[in-house]
Amino acid sequence: MRYQICVSGAASGSTVTASHQLAYELGRAISLAGKTLTTGATVGLPHYAAMGAVSVEGKRGISIGFSPASSFREHVATYKLPTKEFDYINFTGMEYVGRDVHLVRSSDAIITVGGRMGSLHELSTALESRKVCGILLGSGGLADYAPTLLDNIEAPGAKEVIYDTDPNRLVTRVIETLDKKYADFVHDGTDSHVSAKRAGRG
């Protein structure tokens, strides 16, 4: 299945300087796996992830950005956000806070790299929404504080969060978890989708 995997991270700050290559590798790994990368269509670490995704030549996944703006003009002129690294931009018109929720709710999984308060909002939304969550340890910011945070604050699905220090391995583990989550789901590429059990194949 062409899962939609969100890469969440800081738009600016020290983790962008320290971990931009890690974000790039996350996006590239998602694209190489033939999956869809979703980001906040913003600068910083999500932008590096989008650049990694579109760096893959030939058959690759798709890069989709969820913009806080309501139009292309507002996206560029008001928010001053990038455009060329996306195959499609969803202009949500929800500003940053609303955009975060729409982005996470539209994704099958979320991977946190670095991160500040906005990334914490996306992670908490993902946990509350029972999304598959991966965290790239060693990337600074929220990512490195998350284990302590989730050990001390009760959150749904906290024990199922996937931690790893290697971006490629983390993407592989997230996809494997999604495969298990959707093991009972069959989609033949048409508008009809049935569960494997209903079809007598599970």
N, C-alpha and C. Protein backbone atom coordinates (compact mmCIF):
# COMPACT_ATOMS: atom_id res chain seq x y z
N MET A 1 0.84 -1.19 0.00
CA MET A 1 0.00 0.00 0.00
C MET A 1 0.87 1.24 0.00
N ARG A 2 0.37 2.29 -0.63
CA ARG A 2 1.12 3.55 -0.67
C ARG A 2 0.78 4.36 0.58
N TYR A 3 1.36 3.96 1.70
CA TYR A 3 1.11 4.67 2.95
C TYR A 3 1.54 6.13 2.86
N GLN A 4 0.86 6.98 3.62
CA GLN A 4 1.25 8.38 3.74
C GLN A 4 1.99 8.52 5.07
N ILE A 5 3.28 8.81 4.98
CA ILE A 5 4.13 8.90 6.16
C ILE A 5 4.59 10.34 6.33
N CYS A 6 4.24 10.91 7.46
CA CYS A 6 4.58 12.30 7.76
C CYS A 6 5.95 12.39 8.42
N VAL A 7 6.77 13.33 7.98
CA VAL A 7 8.00 13.67 8.69
C VAL A 7 7.77 15.01 9.36
N SER A 8 7.87 15.01 10.68
CA SER A 8 7.63 16.18 11.50
C SER A 8 8.93 16.64 12.13
N GLY A 9 9.21 17.93 12.06
CA GLY A 9 10.45 18.45 12.65
C GLY A 9 10.46 19.95 12.67
N ALA A 10 11.50 20.51 13.27
CA ALA A 10 11.60 21.96 13.45
C ALA A 10 11.77 22.69 12.13
N ALA A 11 11.12 23.86 12.03
CA ALA A 11 11.28 24.71 10.85
C ALA A 11 12.56 25.55 10.95
N SER A 12 13.03 25.77 12.17
CA SER A 12 14.26 26.55 12.36
C SER A 12 14.87 26.15 13.70
N GLY A 13 16.05 26.69 13.96
CA GLY A 13 16.70 26.40 15.23
C GLY A 13 17.86 25.44 15.10
N SER A 14 18.41 25.07 16.24
CA SER A 14 19.64 24.29 16.26
C SER A 14 19.49 22.89 15.66
N THR A 15 18.32 22.27 15.79
CA THR A 15 18.18 20.91 15.26
C THR A 15 18.19 20.88 13.74
N VAL A 16 17.84 22.01 13.11
CA VAL A 16 17.89 22.06 11.64
C VAL A 16 19.35 22.00 11.19
N THR A 17 20.20 22.75 11.86
CA THR A 17 21.62 22.74 11.53
C THR A 17 22.24 21.37 11.79
N ALA A 18 21.87 20.78 12.92
CA ALA A 18 22.49 19.52 13.34
C ALA A 18 21.95 18.30 12.62
N SER A 19 20.67 18.32 12.23
CA SER A 19 20.02 17.09 11.78
C SER A 19 19.38 17.17 10.40
N HIS A 20 19.76 18.18 9.59
CA HIS A 20 19.14 18.29 8.27
C HIS A 20 19.43 17.08 7.38
N GLN A 21 20.62 16.50 7.51
CA GLN A 21 20.95 15.34 6.69
C GLN A 21 20.10 14.13 7.09
N LEU A 22 19.83 14.01 8.38
CA LEU A 22 18.97 12.91 8.86
C LEU A 22 17.55 13.05 8.31
N ALA A 23 17.04 14.28 8.28
CA ALA A 23 15.71 14.52 7.73
C ALA A 23 15.69 14.20 6.23
N TYR A 24 16.74 14.59 5.55
CA TYR A 24 16.87 14.30 4.11
C TYR A 24 16.83 12.79 3.87
N GLU A 25 17.55 12.04 4.69
CA GLU A 25 17.59 10.59 4.55
C GLU A 25 16.25 9.95 4.86
N LEU A 26 15.51 10.51 5.81
CA LEU A 26 14.16 10.00 6.08
C LEU A 26 13.27 10.14 4.85
N GLY A 27 13.27 11.34 4.27
CA GLY A 27 12.45 11.57 3.08
C GLY A 27 12.85 10.69 1.92
N ARG A 28 14.14 10.52 1.74
CA ARG A 28 14.64 9.68 0.66
C ARG A 28 14.24 8.21 0.87
N ALA A 29 14.34 7.75 2.11
CA ALA A 29 13.99 6.36 2.40
C ALA A 29 12.51 6.10 2.17
N ILE A 30 11.66 7.06 2.55
CA ILE A 30 10.22 6.92 2.33
C ILE A 30 9.92 6.86 0.84
N SER A 31 10.58 7.71 0.07
CA SER A 31 10.37 7.75 -1.38
C SER A 31 10.89 6.48 -2.05
N LEU A 32 12.06 6.02 -1.65
CA LEU A 32 12.63 4.79 -2.22
C LEU A 32 11.73 3.58 -1.96
N ALA A 33 11.00 3.63 -0.85
CA ALA A 33 10.09 2.53 -0.52
C ALA A 33 8.78 2.63 -1.30
N GLY A 34 8.65 3.69 -2.10
CA GLY A 34 7.44 3.85 -2.90
C GLY A 34 6.25 4.38 -2.13
N LYS A 35 6.51 4.98 -0.96
CA LYS A 35 5.44 5.53 -0.14
C LYS A 35 5.31 7.03 -0.36
N THR A 36 4.28 7.62 0.21
CA THR A 36 4.02 9.05 0.07
C THR A 36 4.53 9.79 1.29
N LEU A 37 5.39 10.77 1.07
CA LEU A 37 5.86 11.62 2.15
C LEU A 37 4.88 12.77 2.33
N THR A 38 4.47 13.01 3.56
CA THR A 38 3.66 14.19 3.86
C THR A 38 4.43 15.07 4.84
N THR A 39 4.40 16.36 4.60
CA THR A 39 5.04 17.33 5.49
C THR A 39 4.15 18.56 5.58
N GLY A 40 4.58 19.50 6.42
CA GLY A 40 3.84 20.75 6.57
C GLY A 40 4.14 21.77 5.50
N ALA A 41 4.77 21.35 4.40
CA ALA A 41 5.09 22.24 3.27
C ALA A 41 5.86 23.46 3.74
N THR A 42 6.74 23.22 4.70
CA THR A 42 7.42 24.34 5.34
C THR A 42 8.93 24.24 5.17
N VAL A 43 9.65 25.14 5.80
CA VAL A 43 11.11 25.16 5.73
C VAL A 43 11.69 24.26 6.83
N GLY A 44 13.02 24.26 6.94
CA GLY A 44 13.66 23.49 8.00
C GLY A 44 13.69 22.00 7.73
N LEU A 45 13.55 21.20 8.78
CA LEU A 45 13.69 19.75 8.65
C LEU A 45 12.64 19.12 7.73
N PRO A 46 11.36 19.53 7.78
CA PRO A 46 10.40 18.98 6.82
C PRO A 46 10.79 19.27 5.37
N HIS A 47 11.39 20.44 5.14
CA HIS A 47 11.82 20.79 3.79
C HIS A 47 12.95 19.87 3.33
N TYR A 48 13.88 19.59 4.22
CA TYR A 48 14.97 18.67 3.88
C TYR A 48 14.42 17.27 3.58
N ALA A 49 13.41 16.86 4.32
CA ALA A 49 12.78 15.56 4.04
C ALA A 49 12.15 15.55 2.65
N ALA A 50 11.49 16.65 2.30
CA ALA A 50 10.88 16.75 0.97
C ALA A 50 11.95 16.74 -0.12
N MET A 51 13.08 17.42 0.12
CA MET A 51 14.17 17.40 -0.84
C MET A 51 14.73 15.99 -1.00
N GLY A 52 14.81 15.25 0.10
CA GLY A 52 15.27 13.87 0.02
C GLY A 52 14.33 13.01 -0.80
N ALA A 53 13.04 13.24 -0.63
CA ALA A 53 12.04 12.45 -1.36
C ALA A 53 12.13 12.66 -2.86
N VAL A 54 12.25 13.90 -3.28
CA VAL A 54 12.27 14.18 -4.72
C VAL A 54 13.65 13.95 -5.34
N SER A 55 14.66 13.66 -4.52
CA SER A 55 15.99 13.37 -5.06
C SER A 55 16.07 11.99 -5.70
N VAL A 56 15.09 11.14 -5.40
CA VAL A 56 15.07 9.78 -5.93
C VAL A 56 14.71 9.83 -7.41
N GLU A 57 15.54 9.23 -8.24
CA GLU A 57 15.29 9.22 -9.68
C GLU A 57 14.46 8.00 -10.05
N GLY A 58 13.72 8.13 -11.15
CA GLY A 58 12.91 7.01 -11.61
C GLY A 58 11.68 6.83 -10.75
N LYS A 59 11.29 5.60 -10.56
CA LYS A 59 10.09 5.30 -9.78
C LYS A 59 10.32 5.65 -8.32
N ARG A 60 9.49 6.51 -7.80
CA ARG A 60 9.64 6.95 -6.42
C ARG A 60 8.28 7.23 -5.82
N GLY A 61 8.29 7.51 -4.53
CA GLY A 61 7.07 7.90 -3.87
C GLY A 61 6.70 9.34 -4.21
N ILE A 62 5.66 9.82 -3.58
CA ILE A 62 5.13 11.15 -3.85
C ILE A 62 5.42 12.05 -2.65
N SER A 63 5.65 13.33 -2.91
CA SER A 63 5.85 14.33 -1.86
C SER A 63 4.65 15.27 -1.83
N ILE A 64 3.92 15.26 -0.72
CA ILE A 64 2.74 16.11 -0.57
C ILE A 64 2.95 17.07 0.60
N GLY A 65 2.70 18.33 0.37
CA GLY A 65 2.81 19.34 1.42
C GLY A 65 1.45 19.82 1.86
N PHE A 66 1.27 19.98 3.16
CA PHE A 66 0.04 20.53 3.73
C PHE A 66 0.35 21.95 4.21
N SER A 67 -0.11 22.91 3.47
CA SER A 67 0.23 24.31 3.74
C SER A 67 -0.75 24.96 4.72
N PRO A 68 -0.25 25.86 5.57
CA PRO A 68 -1.16 26.63 6.43
C PRO A 68 -1.94 27.68 5.65
N ALA A 69 -1.50 27.95 4.43
CA ALA A 69 -2.10 29.00 3.61
C ALA A 69 -3.37 28.52 2.91
N SER A 70 -4.14 29.47 2.39
CA SER A 70 -5.37 29.13 1.69
C SER A 70 -5.21 29.17 0.17
N SER A 71 -4.03 29.59 -0.30
CA SER A 71 -3.79 29.67 -1.74
C SER A 71 -2.30 29.65 -2.01
N PHE A 72 -1.96 29.43 -3.27
CA PHE A 72 -0.55 29.44 -3.67
C PHE A 72 0.07 30.81 -3.38
N ARG A 73 -0.67 31.86 -3.71
CA ARG A 73 -0.16 33.22 -3.49
C ARG A 73 0.15 33.44 -2.01
N GLU A 74 -0.78 33.06 -1.13
CA GLU A 74 -0.56 33.25 0.30
C GLU A 74 0.59 32.38 0.81
N HIS A 75 0.68 31.17 0.28
CA HIS A 75 1.75 30.25 0.65
C HIS A 75 3.12 30.88 0.39
N VAL A 76 3.25 31.51 -0.77
CA VAL A 76 4.54 32.08 -1.17
C VAL A 76 4.76 33.48 -0.62
N ALA A 77 3.78 34.36 -0.79
CA ALA A 77 3.96 35.77 -0.46
C ALA A 77 3.83 36.07 1.03
N THR A 78 2.89 35.41 1.70
CA THR A 78 2.65 35.70 3.11
C THR A 78 3.48 34.80 4.02
N TYR A 79 3.39 33.49 3.77
CA TYR A 79 4.11 32.54 4.64
C TYR A 79 5.55 32.31 4.20
N LYS A 80 5.84 32.65 2.93
CA LYS A 80 7.20 32.50 2.39
C LYS A 80 7.71 31.07 2.52
N LEU A 81 6.90 30.15 2.03
CA LEU A 81 7.21 28.73 2.11
C LEU A 81 7.58 28.16 0.75
N PRO A 82 8.33 27.05 0.72
CA PRO A 82 8.81 26.47 -0.55
C PRO A 82 7.69 25.78 -1.33
N THR A 83 7.97 25.54 -2.61
CA THR A 83 6.96 24.91 -3.47
C THR A 83 7.51 23.77 -4.34
N LYS A 84 8.75 23.88 -4.81
CA LYS A 84 9.21 23.00 -5.88
C LYS A 84 9.45 21.56 -5.44
N GLU A 85 9.55 21.30 -4.15
CA GLU A 85 9.82 19.93 -3.68
C GLU A 85 8.55 19.11 -3.48
N PHE A 86 7.41 19.62 -3.96
CA PHE A 86 6.14 18.92 -3.73
C PHE A 86 5.47 18.56 -5.05
N ASP A 87 4.97 17.33 -5.10
CA ASP A 87 4.17 16.92 -6.25
C ASP A 87 2.78 17.53 -6.17
N TYR A 88 2.37 17.82 -4.94
CA TYR A 88 1.04 18.40 -4.72
C TYR A 88 1.08 19.15 -3.40
N ILE A 89 0.42 20.31 -3.36
CA ILE A 89 0.29 21.07 -2.11
C ILE A 89 -1.19 21.21 -1.78
N ASN A 90 -1.55 20.79 -0.57
CA ASN A 90 -2.91 20.96 -0.07
C ASN A 90 -2.95 22.28 0.69
N PHE A 91 -3.62 23.28 0.13
CA PHE A 91 -3.71 24.58 0.78
C PHE A 91 -4.87 24.53 1.77
N THR A 92 -4.56 24.24 3.02
CA THR A 92 -5.59 23.97 4.02
C THR A 92 -6.33 25.23 4.47
N GLY A 93 -5.64 26.39 4.46
CA GLY A 93 -6.26 27.60 4.96
C GLY A 93 -6.50 27.58 6.47
N MET A 94 -5.80 26.68 7.17
CA MET A 94 -6.04 26.48 8.60
C MET A 94 -4.97 27.09 9.50
N GLU A 95 -4.09 27.90 8.93
CA GLU A 95 -2.94 28.43 9.66
C GLU A 95 -2.14 27.26 10.24
N TYR A 96 -1.17 27.55 11.10
CA TYR A 96 -0.25 26.49 11.50
C TYR A 96 -0.88 25.44 12.42
N VAL A 97 -1.65 25.88 13.40
CA VAL A 97 -2.20 24.93 14.37
C VAL A 97 -3.20 23.98 13.70
N GLY A 98 -4.10 24.52 12.90
CA GLY A 98 -5.08 23.68 12.21
C GLY A 98 -4.42 22.80 11.15
N ARG A 99 -3.42 23.37 10.46
CA ARG A 99 -2.69 22.60 9.47
C ARG A 99 -2.05 21.37 10.08
N ASP A 100 -1.47 21.54 11.29
CA ASP A 100 -0.81 20.41 11.95
C ASP A 100 -1.77 19.24 12.14
N VAL A 101 -2.97 19.53 12.61
CA VAL A 101 -3.95 18.48 12.87
C VAL A 101 -4.36 17.81 11.57
N HIS A 102 -4.63 18.61 10.55
CA HIS A 102 -5.04 18.06 9.25
C HIS A 102 -3.94 17.18 8.65
N LEU A 103 -2.70 17.63 8.77
CA LEU A 103 -1.55 16.88 8.26
C LEU A 103 -1.45 15.52 8.94
N VAL A 104 -1.49 15.52 10.25
CA VAL A 104 -1.34 14.26 11.00
C VAL A 104 -2.52 13.33 10.75
N ARG A 105 -3.72 13.88 10.79
CA ARG A 105 -4.92 13.05 10.60
C ARG A 105 -4.98 12.46 9.19
N SER A 106 -4.31 13.10 8.24
CA SER A 106 -4.30 12.61 6.85
C SER A 106 -3.18 11.61 6.59
N SER A 107 -2.34 11.37 7.58
CA SER A 107 -1.19 10.48 7.43
C SER A 107 -1.43 9.15 8.16
N ASP A 108 -0.79 8.10 7.67
CA ASP A 108 -0.88 6.80 8.32
C ASP A 108 0.11 6.67 9.46
N ALA A 109 1.21 7.39 9.36
CA ALA A 109 2.26 7.34 10.38
C ALA A 109 2.96 8.68 10.43
N ILE A 110 3.64 8.93 11.54
CA ILE A 110 4.40 10.16 11.70
C ILE A 110 5.77 9.83 12.27
N ILE A 111 6.79 10.45 11.70
CA ILE A 111 8.16 10.27 12.19
C ILE A 111 8.67 11.62 12.65
N THR A 112 9.11 11.70 13.89
CA THR A 112 9.62 12.94 14.46
C THR A 112 11.14 12.97 14.37
N VAL A 113 11.66 14.05 13.80
CA VAL A 113 13.10 14.29 13.74
C VAL A 113 13.35 15.67 14.32
N GLY A 114 14.27 15.77 15.29
CA GLY A 114 14.47 17.07 15.94
C GLY A 114 13.16 17.53 16.55
N GLY A 115 12.81 18.76 16.32
CA GLY A 115 11.48 19.21 16.71
C GLY A 115 11.43 20.20 17.85
N ARG A 116 10.42 21.10 17.75
CA ARG A 116 10.15 22.08 18.78
C ARG A 116 8.68 21.94 19.20
N MET A 117 8.03 23.02 19.63
CA MET A 117 6.67 22.94 20.15
C MET A 117 5.67 22.48 19.08
N GLY A 118 5.86 22.94 17.84
CA GLY A 118 4.94 22.51 16.78
C GLY A 118 5.02 21.02 16.54
N SER A 119 6.23 20.46 16.64
CA SER A 119 6.39 19.01 16.47
C SER A 119 5.76 18.26 17.64
N LEU A 120 5.80 18.85 18.84
CA LEU A 120 5.14 18.24 19.99
C LEU A 120 3.64 18.20 19.77
N HIS A 121 3.10 19.27 19.19
CA HIS A 121 1.67 19.30 18.87
C HIS A 121 1.32 18.18 17.87
N GLU A 122 2.17 18.01 16.87
CA GLU A 122 1.92 16.95 15.88
C GLU A 122 2.06 15.57 16.49
N LEU A 123 3.05 15.37 17.36
CA LEU A 123 3.22 14.07 18.00
C LEU A 123 2.05 13.75 18.91
N SER A 124 1.61 14.71 19.70
CA SER A 124 0.48 14.45 20.60
C SER A 124 -0.80 14.17 19.81
N THR A 125 -0.98 14.89 18.70
CA THR A 125 -2.13 14.62 17.83
C THR A 125 -2.07 13.22 17.25
N ALA A 126 -0.86 12.81 16.85
CA ALA A 126 -0.68 11.46 16.29
C ALA A 126 -0.98 10.38 17.32
N LEU A 127 -0.50 10.57 18.54
CA LEU A 127 -0.76 9.60 19.60
C LEU A 127 -2.25 9.52 19.91
N GLU A 128 -2.89 10.66 20.05
CA GLU A 128 -4.32 10.68 20.34
C GLU A 128 -5.14 10.09 19.19
N SER A 129 -4.60 10.18 17.98
CA SER A 129 -5.28 9.65 16.79
C SER A 129 -4.91 8.20 16.50
N ARG A 130 -4.09 7.60 17.37
CA ARG A 130 -3.66 6.21 17.24
C ARG A 130 -2.91 5.95 15.94
N LYS A 131 -2.10 6.91 15.54
CA LYS A 131 -1.25 6.73 14.37
C LYS A 131 0.02 5.97 14.76
N VAL A 132 0.65 5.32 13.80
CA VAL A 132 1.96 4.71 14.04
C VAL A 132 2.96 5.85 14.19
N CYS A 133 3.72 5.83 15.28
CA CYS A 133 4.66 6.93 15.56
C CYS A 133 6.09 6.41 15.63
N GLY A 134 6.99 7.06 14.91
CA GLY A 134 8.42 6.76 14.98
C GLY A 134 9.17 8.00 15.42
N ILE A 135 10.25 7.81 16.16
CA ILE A 135 11.05 8.93 16.64
C ILE A 135 12.52 8.65 16.37
N LEU A 136 13.18 9.59 15.71
CA LEU A 136 14.59 9.42 15.35
C LEU A 136 15.46 9.95 16.48
N LEU A 137 15.94 9.05 17.31
CA LEU A 137 16.80 9.44 18.42
C LEU A 137 18.14 9.96 17.91
N GLY A 138 18.72 10.89 18.65
CA GLY A 138 19.99 11.47 18.26
C GLY A 138 19.86 12.66 17.33
N SER A 139 18.60 13.07 17.04
CA SER A 139 18.39 14.20 16.14
C SER A 139 18.11 15.49 16.91
N GLY A 140 18.14 15.42 18.24
CA GLY A 140 18.00 16.62 19.06
C GLY A 140 16.56 17.02 19.32
N GLY A 141 16.40 18.10 20.06
CA GLY A 141 15.09 18.67 20.31
C GLY A 141 14.09 17.69 20.90
N LEU A 142 12.85 17.78 20.44
CA LEU A 142 11.77 16.93 20.93
C LEU A 142 12.11 15.45 20.82
N ALA A 143 12.73 15.06 19.71
CA ALA A 143 13.01 13.64 19.48
C ALA A 143 13.80 13.02 20.63
N ASP A 144 14.75 13.75 21.17
CA ASP A 144 15.58 13.19 22.24
C ASP A 144 14.94 13.33 23.62
N TYR A 145 13.97 14.24 23.75
CA TYR A 145 13.26 14.37 25.03
C TYR A 145 12.02 13.47 25.08
N ALA A 146 11.55 13.01 23.93
CA ALA A 146 10.30 12.25 23.87
C ALA A 146 10.28 11.01 24.76
N PRO A 147 11.35 10.20 24.80
CA PRO A 147 11.29 9.02 25.67
C PRO A 147 11.03 9.38 27.13
N THR A 148 11.69 10.42 27.64
CA THR A 148 11.47 10.85 29.03
C THR A 148 10.06 11.40 29.20
N LEU A 149 9.61 12.18 28.24
CA LEU A 149 8.26 12.74 28.29
C LEU A 149 7.21 11.64 28.34
N LEU A 150 7.33 10.66 27.47
CA LEU A 150 6.32 9.60 27.39
C LEU A 150 6.45 8.59 28.52
N ASP A 151 7.59 8.56 29.17
CA ASP A 151 7.73 7.72 30.37
C ASP A 151 7.03 8.33 31.57
N ASN A 152 6.82 9.65 31.52
CA ASN A 152 6.28 10.35 32.69
C ASN A 152 4.88 10.93 32.50
N ILE A 153 4.43 10.99 31.26
CA ILE A 153 3.09 11.50 30.99
C ILE A 153 2.31 10.43 30.22
N GLU A 154 1.20 10.01 30.77
CA GLU A 154 0.42 8.95 30.13
C GLU A 154 -0.14 9.42 28.80
N ALA A 155 0.03 8.61 27.78
CA ALA A 155 -0.46 8.95 26.44
C ALA A 155 -0.88 7.66 25.73
N PRO A 156 -1.94 7.71 24.94
CA PRO A 156 -2.37 6.51 24.22
C PRO A 156 -1.31 6.07 23.22
N GLY A 157 -1.00 4.78 23.21
CA GLY A 157 -0.04 4.26 22.24
C GLY A 157 1.40 4.56 22.55
N ALA A 158 1.70 5.12 23.72
CA ALA A 158 3.08 5.51 24.03
C ALA A 158 4.02 4.32 24.03
N LYS A 159 3.54 3.17 24.47
CA LYS A 159 4.40 1.98 24.54
C LYS A 159 4.69 1.39 23.17
N GLU A 160 3.92 1.81 22.16
CA GLU A 160 4.13 1.28 20.80
C GLU A 160 4.98 2.20 19.94
N VAL A 161 5.41 3.33 20.48
CA VAL A 161 6.25 4.26 19.70
C VAL A 161 7.54 3.55 19.30
N ILE A 162 7.95 3.74 18.06
CA ILE A 162 9.15 3.10 17.52
C ILE A 162 10.32 4.07 17.61
N TYR A 163 11.36 3.69 18.34
CA TYR A 163 12.55 4.51 18.48
C TYR A 163 13.70 3.87 17.70
N ASP A 164 14.48 4.71 17.02
CA ASP A 164 15.67 4.21 16.33
C ASP A 164 16.61 5.38 16.10
N THR A 165 17.89 5.05 15.90
CA THR A 165 18.90 6.08 15.64
C THR A 165 19.28 6.16 14.18
N ASP A 166 18.79 5.23 13.37
CA ASP A 166 19.13 5.18 11.95
C ASP A 166 17.88 5.50 11.12
N PRO A 167 17.93 6.54 10.27
CA PRO A 167 16.73 6.94 9.52
C PRO A 167 16.19 5.86 8.59
N ASN A 168 17.07 5.15 7.89
CA ASN A 168 16.61 4.11 6.97
C ASN A 168 15.97 2.95 7.71
N ARG A 169 16.58 2.55 8.81
CA ARG A 169 16.01 1.45 9.60
C ARG A 169 14.69 1.86 10.24
N LEU A 170 14.60 3.10 10.67
CA LEU A 170 13.36 3.59 11.27
C LEU A 170 12.22 3.56 10.27
N VAL A 171 12.47 4.01 9.05
CA VAL A 171 11.44 3.98 8.01
C VAL A 171 11.01 2.55 7.74
N THR A 172 11.96 1.63 7.65
CA THR A 172 11.63 0.23 7.42
C THR A 172 10.75 -0.31 8.53
N ARG A 173 11.08 0.00 9.77
CA ARG A 173 10.31 -0.49 10.91
C ARG A 173 8.90 0.11 10.95
N VAL A 174 8.79 1.38 10.59
CA VAL A 174 7.48 2.02 10.53
C VAL A 174 6.60 1.35 9.47
N ILE A 175 7.19 1.09 8.30
CA ILE A 175 6.43 0.43 7.22
C ILE A 175 6.03 -0.98 7.62
N GLU A 176 6.91 -1.71 8.28
CA GLU A 176 6.58 -3.05 8.75
C GLU A 176 5.42 -3.01 9.74
N THR A 177 5.41 -2.02 10.60
CA THR A 177 4.32 -1.88 11.56
C THR A 177 3.01 -1.54 10.86
N LEU A 178 3.08 -0.70 9.83
CA LEU A 178 1.88 -0.37 9.05
C LEU A 178 1.37 -1.60 8.31
N ASP A 179 2.28 -2.42 7.80
CA ASP A 179 1.88 -3.65 7.12
C ASP A 179 1.09 -4.56 8.06
N LYS A 180 1.53 -4.64 9.31
CA LYS A 180 0.82 -5.45 10.31
C LYS A 180 -0.53 -4.83 10.64
N LYS A 181 -0.56 -3.51 10.75
CA LYS A 181 -1.80 -2.81 11.09
C LYS A 181 -2.86 -3.01 10.03
N TYR A 182 -2.42 -3.04 8.76
CA TYR A 182 -3.35 -3.17 7.64
C TYR A 182 -3.36 -4.58 7.04
N ALA A 183 -2.93 -5.56 7.81
CA ALA A 183 -2.83 -6.94 7.31
C ALA A 183 -4.18 -7.49 6.87
N ASP A 184 -5.27 -7.00 7.44
CA ASP A 184 -6.59 -7.53 7.09
C ASP A 184 -7.27 -6.74 5.98
N PHE A 185 -6.50 -5.84 5.35
CA PHE A 185 -7.06 -4.94 4.36
C PHE A 185 -6.52 -5.24 2.98
N VAL A 186 -7.43 -5.41 2.00
CA VAL A 186 -7.02 -5.67 0.63
C VAL A 186 -7.53 -4.54 -0.25
N HIS A 187 -6.63 -3.97 -1.04
CA HIS A 187 -7.03 -2.92 -1.97
C HIS A 187 -6.44 -3.25 -3.32
N ASP A 188 -7.31 -3.49 -4.31
CA ASP A 188 -6.86 -3.94 -5.62
C ASP A 188 -6.60 -2.80 -6.60
N GLY A 189 -6.64 -1.57 -6.09
CA GLY A 189 -6.39 -0.43 -6.97
C GLY A 189 -7.66 0.15 -7.57
N THR A 190 -8.80 -0.46 -7.29
CA THR A 190 -10.07 0.07 -7.76
C THR A 190 -10.79 0.71 -6.59
N ASP A 191 -12.05 1.06 -6.79
CA ASP A 191 -12.82 1.68 -5.71
C ASP A 191 -13.34 0.66 -4.71
N SER A 192 -13.19 -0.62 -5.01
CA SER A 192 -13.70 -1.64 -4.09
C SER A 192 -12.57 -2.13 -3.22
N HIS A 193 -12.74 -2.07 -1.90
CA HIS A 193 -11.77 -2.62 -0.99
C HIS A 193 -12.51 -3.43 0.07
N VAL A 194 -12.05 -4.61 0.28
CA VAL A 194 -12.68 -5.52 1.24
C VAL A 194 -11.62 -6.07 2.16
N SER A 195 -12.04 -6.51 3.31
CA SER A 195 -11.08 -7.12 4.23
C SER A 195 -10.71 -8.49 3.74
N ALA A 196 -9.52 -8.93 4.09
CA ALA A 196 -9.07 -10.26 3.71
C ALA A 196 -9.98 -11.33 4.27
N LYS A 197 -10.50 -11.12 5.48
CA LYS A 197 -11.36 -12.12 6.09
C LYS A 197 -12.66 -12.25 5.33
N ARG A 198 -13.22 -11.12 4.88
CA ARG A 198 -14.46 -11.18 4.10
C ARG A 198 -14.24 -11.89 2.79
N ALA A 199 -13.07 -11.70 2.22
CA ALA A 199 -12.79 -12.31 0.92
C ALA A 199 -12.38 -13.77 1.06
N GLY A 200 -12.30 -14.25 2.30
CA GLY A 200 -11.93 -15.64 2.51
C GLY A 200 -10.46 -15.90 2.37
N ARG A 201 -9.63 -14.83 2.55
CA ARG A 201 -8.21 -14.99 2.38
C ARG A 201 -7.45 -14.75 3.68
N GLY A 202 -8.15 -14.73 4.81
CA GLY A 202 -7.48 -14.47 6.06
C GLY A 202 -8.14 -15.19 7.21
